[in-house]
Amino acid sequence: MTAPARVSPFALFLTLLYLLAWPALVLILAGSWRWLEGWIFSVWFIAVCASTLGWLYRHDPGLLAERYRRPGTGGQSRRDLVIVVLLVLGFVLWIVLMPLDAVRFHWSPAPPGAVKAVGLVFLAASWLLLFRTFTDNPYASPLARIQRERGHQVVSTGVYGLVRHPMYLGALLMFVGAPLLTGAASALLVGAALSILLGVRIVGEESLLARELPGYDAYRERVRYRLVPFVW
């Protein structure tokens, strides 16, 4: 049996530098190193990424290598590639707007403490869902594709027994929770748009899975909700 592909330590080091650049950008754009909510979000962001990368490197190097797969390869459709590009561009806008809105230009009024608390709860739930997605699903690729070379199978346990796309639910909670915490209404609007785009991707992804992945139709019958329990 061929050993699973591994991501080199150097590639992981470069990834770490890339991840650290985002929180640094947030605080630089805020123009203040004393922005508490910015620090909370930054620590959360680094903790989510580092804990996931560390777990995958140690326990599932095959999935980690899949997460590094170049967009547009492995059978990913052009439609899905366009959606991924739009999600990346939207994420950049979303993360940049938070410090500009909340601190630099004060476009939005400061939210009450209860709203910030809700944002924190959403971020905590987001971390749990994102991390558990990777521990529960060894096929959680960033590309919508059938991983035949990796023995792709339907996963229905863990958080996949709650909704069919727990990673996207985690992302939705992040897109909403961080702007609530920081008080950036403009970022909240972008987060809502990104959540709709995730919904569009889900429809296309499920069409592919139902058509080409044995057992997915039966899984859809068992787990009714795609993204939000009792809603959709």
Protein backbone atom coordinates (compact mmCIF):
# COMPACT_ATOMS: atom_id res chain seq x y z
CA MET A 1 0.00 0.00 0.00
CA THR A 2 1.33 3.44 -0.95
CA ALA A 3 2.06 5.70 2.02
CA PRO A 4 -0.14 8.79 2.19
CA ALA A 5 1.33 12.01 0.82
CA ARG A 6 2.78 14.32 3.42
CA VAL A 7 3.09 18.09 3.56
CA SER A 8 6.65 19.14 4.29
CA PRO A 9 7.54 20.96 7.53
CA PHE A 10 8.78 23.88 5.39
CA ALA A 11 5.38 24.19 3.71
CA LEU A 12 3.73 24.17 7.13
CA PHE A 13 6.15 26.88 8.30
CA LEU A 14 5.20 29.06 5.32
CA THR A 15 1.55 28.41 6.11
CA LEU A 16 2.10 29.53 9.69
CA LEU A 17 3.65 32.79 8.49
CA TYR A 18 0.69 33.27 6.14
CA LEU A 19 -1.79 32.69 8.96
CA LEU A 20 0.02 35.09 11.31
CA ALA A 21 -0.12 37.77 8.62
CA TRP A 22 -3.92 37.99 8.85
CA PRO A 23 -4.14 38.94 12.55
CA ALA A 24 -1.22 41.33 12.08
CA LEU A 25 -3.09 42.96 9.18
CA VAL A 26 -6.21 43.29 11.34
CA LEU A 27 -4.36 45.15 14.09
CA ILE A 28 -2.37 47.29 11.66
CA LEU A 29 -5.52 48.38 9.82
CA ALA A 30 -7.15 49.15 13.16
CA GLY A 31 -4.32 51.55 13.90
CA SER A 32 -4.26 50.44 17.52
CA TRP A 33 -2.53 47.55 19.27
CA ARG A 34 -4.88 48.03 22.22
CA TRP A 35 -8.01 46.86 20.40
CA LEU A 36 -9.21 44.08 22.68
CA GLU A 37 -11.78 42.59 20.30
CA GLY A 38 -9.14 42.53 17.56
CA TRP A 39 -6.80 40.57 19.81
CA ILE A 40 -9.56 38.15 20.79
CA PHE A 41 -10.39 37.48 17.14
CA SER A 42 -6.69 37.16 16.26
CA VAL A 43 -6.02 34.63 19.02
CA TRP A 44 -9.15 32.70 18.03
CA PHE A 45 -8.12 32.65 14.36
CA ILE A 46 -4.59 31.42 15.08
CA ALA A 47 -5.85 28.83 17.58
CA VAL A 48 -8.38 27.39 15.14
CA CYS A 49 -5.86 27.12 12.30
CA ALA A 50 -2.96 25.86 14.44
CA SER A 51 -5.00 23.23 16.28
CA THR A 52 -6.43 21.91 13.01
CA LEU A 53 -3.09 21.85 11.19
CA GLY A 54 -1.37 20.21 14.14
CA TRP A 55 -4.03 17.50 14.44
CA LEU A 56 -3.98 16.74 10.72
CA TYR A 57 -0.17 16.65 10.56
CA ARG A 58 -0.08 14.13 13.38
CA HIS A 59 -3.19 12.03 12.73
CA ASP A 60 -4.27 12.43 9.07
CA PRO A 61 -1.41 13.48 6.75
CA GLY A 62 -3.40 12.32 3.73
CA LEU A 63 -6.19 14.82 4.41
CA LEU A 64 -3.65 17.54 5.17
CA ALA A 65 -2.05 16.95 1.75
CA GLU A 66 -5.52 17.08 0.19
CA ARG A 67 -6.11 20.46 1.87
CA TYR A 68 -3.02 21.71 0.00
CA ARG A 69 -4.32 20.53 -3.38
CA ARG A 70 -4.11 23.21 -6.06
CA PRO A 71 -7.50 24.69 -7.05
CA GLY A 72 -8.77 23.51 -10.42
CA THR A 73 -7.21 20.05 -10.15
CA GLY A 74 -8.53 16.62 -9.22
CA GLY A 75 -11.73 17.00 -11.22
CA GLN A 76 -12.96 20.23 -9.59
CA SER A 77 -15.48 21.89 -11.91
CA ARG A 78 -14.97 25.38 -13.33
CA ARG A 79 -18.16 26.48 -11.54
CA ASP A 80 -16.83 25.37 -8.18
CA LEU A 81 -13.47 27.00 -8.89
CA VAL A 82 -15.20 30.33 -9.56
CA ILE A 83 -17.13 30.01 -6.30
CA VAL A 84 -13.93 29.27 -4.37
CA VAL A 85 -12.24 32.35 -5.87
CA LEU A 86 -15.24 34.49 -4.91
CA LEU A 87 -15.17 33.07 -1.37
CA VAL A 88 -11.46 33.90 -1.02
CA LEU A 89 -11.96 37.45 -2.29
CA GLY A 90 -14.98 37.86 -0.03
CA PHE A 91 -13.02 36.59 2.96
CA VAL A 92 -10.30 39.19 2.33
CA LEU A 93 -12.92 41.95 2.18
CA TRP A 94 -14.66 40.60 5.30
CA ILE A 95 -11.52 40.48 7.42
CA VAL A 96 -10.28 43.89 6.23
CA LEU A 97 -13.58 45.63 6.92
CA MET A 98 -13.69 44.67 10.61
CA PRO A 99 -10.80 46.89 11.80
CA LEU A 100 -11.59 49.65 9.32
CA ASP A 101 -15.24 49.80 10.36
CA ALA A 102 -14.96 49.18 14.11
CA VAL A 103 -11.82 51.13 14.97
CA ARG A 104 -10.26 53.15 12.17
CA PHE A 105 -13.34 54.95 10.80
CA HIS A 106 -16.14 54.02 13.27
CA TRP A 107 -18.70 53.46 10.53
CA SER A 108 -20.81 51.36 12.90
CA PRO A 109 -21.88 52.22 16.46
CA ALA A 110 -20.26 50.21 19.23
CA PRO A 111 -22.42 47.15 20.01
CA PRO A 112 -23.68 46.42 23.54
CA GLY A 113 -21.88 43.81 25.60
CA ALA A 114 -24.64 41.25 25.02
CA VAL A 115 -24.08 41.39 21.27
CA LYS A 116 -20.34 40.89 21.73
CA ALA A 117 -21.09 37.93 24.01
CA VAL A 118 -23.23 36.35 21.29
CA GLY A 119 -20.34 36.85 18.88
CA LEU A 120 -18.02 35.02 21.27
CA VAL A 121 -20.47 32.12 21.60
CA PHE A 122 -20.73 31.89 17.81
CA LEU A 123 -16.94 31.84 17.46
CA ALA A 124 -16.62 29.11 20.09
CA ALA A 125 -19.22 26.99 18.29
CA SER A 126 -17.48 27.72 14.98
CA TRP A 127 -14.15 26.42 16.33
CA LEU A 128 -15.79 23.23 17.54
CA LEU A 129 -17.53 22.57 14.23
CA LEU A 130 -14.49 23.38 12.10
CA PHE A 131 -12.16 21.20 14.16
CA ARG A 132 -14.59 18.31 14.40
CA THR A 133 -15.18 18.43 10.64
CA PHE A 134 -11.58 17.41 10.07
CA THR A 135 -11.44 14.84 12.86
CA ASP A 136 -14.71 13.23 11.68
CA ASN A 137 -14.27 13.41 7.91
CA PRO A 138 -11.00 12.22 6.30
CA TYR A 139 -12.28 13.44 2.91
CA ALA A 140 -12.91 17.11 3.85
CA SER A 141 -11.28 18.55 0.74
CA PRO A 142 -11.36 22.27 -0.05
CA LEU A 143 -12.44 21.31 -3.57
CA ALA A 144 -15.80 19.85 -4.50
CA ARG A 145 -14.63 16.62 -6.10
CA ILE A 146 -14.88 12.84 -5.76
CA GLN A 147 -11.59 11.57 -4.28
CA ARG A 148 -11.54 8.15 -5.92
CA GLU A 149 -7.79 7.80 -5.43
CA ARG A 150 -8.35 8.13 -1.66
CA GLY A 151 -11.27 5.69 -1.44
CA HIS A 152 -13.86 8.42 -0.94
CA GLN A 153 -16.83 7.29 1.18
CA VAL A 154 -19.86 8.92 2.76
CA VAL A 155 -19.28 10.14 6.35
CA SER A 156 -22.41 10.25 8.49
CA THR A 157 -21.13 10.21 12.08
CA GLY A 158 -20.01 12.93 14.49
CA VAL A 159 -20.97 16.43 13.42
CA TYR A 160 -22.10 14.97 10.09
CA GLY A 161 -25.05 13.51 11.98
CA LEU A 162 -26.13 17.07 12.82
CA VAL A 163 -26.02 18.70 9.39
CA ARG A 164 -24.65 17.55 6.05
CA HIS A 165 -22.16 20.42 5.80
CA PRO A 166 -20.80 21.19 9.30
CA MET A 167 -17.71 22.94 7.94
CA TYR A 168 -19.91 25.48 6.19
CA LEU A 169 -21.99 25.91 9.33
CA GLY A 170 -18.77 26.63 11.21
CA ALA A 171 -17.82 29.17 8.55
CA LEU A 172 -21.26 30.79 8.76
CA LEU A 173 -20.92 31.16 12.53
CA MET A 174 -17.48 32.73 11.99
CA PHE A 175 -18.77 35.15 9.33
CA VAL A 176 -21.48 36.32 11.73
CA GLY A 177 -19.75 35.93 15.10
CA ALA A 178 -16.60 37.95 14.42
CA PRO A 179 -18.46 41.07 13.19
CA LEU A 180 -20.80 40.86 16.19
CA LEU A 181 -17.79 40.70 18.50
CA THR A 182 -15.95 43.55 16.80
CA GLY A 183 -19.00 45.69 16.05
CA ALA A 184 -18.48 45.94 12.28
CA ALA A 185 -21.86 46.02 10.53
CA SER A 186 -20.23 46.26 7.09
CA ALA A 187 -18.36 43.00 7.71
CA LEU A 188 -21.60 41.43 8.91
CA LEU A 189 -23.20 42.27 5.55
CA VAL A 190 -20.26 40.73 3.69
CA GLY A 191 -20.51 37.70 5.97
CA ALA A 192 -24.18 37.33 5.05
CA ALA A 193 -23.27 37.47 1.36
CA LEU A 194 -20.55 34.84 1.87
CA SER A 195 -23.05 32.62 3.69
CA ILE A 196 -25.40 32.83 0.70
CA LEU A 197 -22.49 31.94 -1.59
CA LEU A 198 -21.80 28.90 0.60
CA GLY A 199 -25.44 27.90 0.11
CA VAL A 200 -24.98 28.13 -3.66
CA ARG A 201 -21.89 25.94 -3.40
CA ILE A 202 -23.75 23.40 -1.27
CA VAL A 203 -26.39 22.94 -3.97
CA GLY A 204 -23.77 22.22 -6.63
CA GLU A 205 -21.68 20.04 -4.32
CA GLU A 206 -24.65 17.92 -3.29
CA SER A 207 -25.63 17.42 -6.92
CA LEU A 208 -22.14 16.03 -7.59
CA LEU A 209 -22.14 13.83 -4.47
CA ALA A 210 -25.60 12.42 -5.14
CA ARG A 211 -24.63 11.62 -8.72
CA GLU A 212 -21.21 10.08 -8.15
CA LEU A 213 -20.76 9.08 -4.49
CA PRO A 214 -22.50 5.78 -3.56
CA GLY A 215 -24.64 6.07 -0.45
CA TYR A 216 -25.01 9.85 -0.47
CA ASP A 217 -28.71 9.79 -1.33
CA ALA A 218 -29.38 7.50 1.64
CA TYR A 219 -27.36 9.85 3.85
CA ARG A 220 -29.50 12.79 2.71
CA GLU A 221 -32.57 10.85 3.78
CA ARG A 222 -31.12 10.27 7.27
CA VAL A 223 -29.74 13.78 7.83
CA ARG A 224 -32.35 16.21 6.56
CA TYR A 225 -30.65 19.56 7.01
CA ARG A 226 -27.87 20.84 4.79
CA LEU A 227 -26.54 23.78 6.79
CA VAL A 228 -28.72 25.03 9.66
CA PRO A 229 -30.70 22.54 11.80
CA PHE A 230 -34.48 22.91 11.48
CA VAL A 231 -34.04 25.66 8.85
CA TRP A 232 -32.30 24.39 5.66
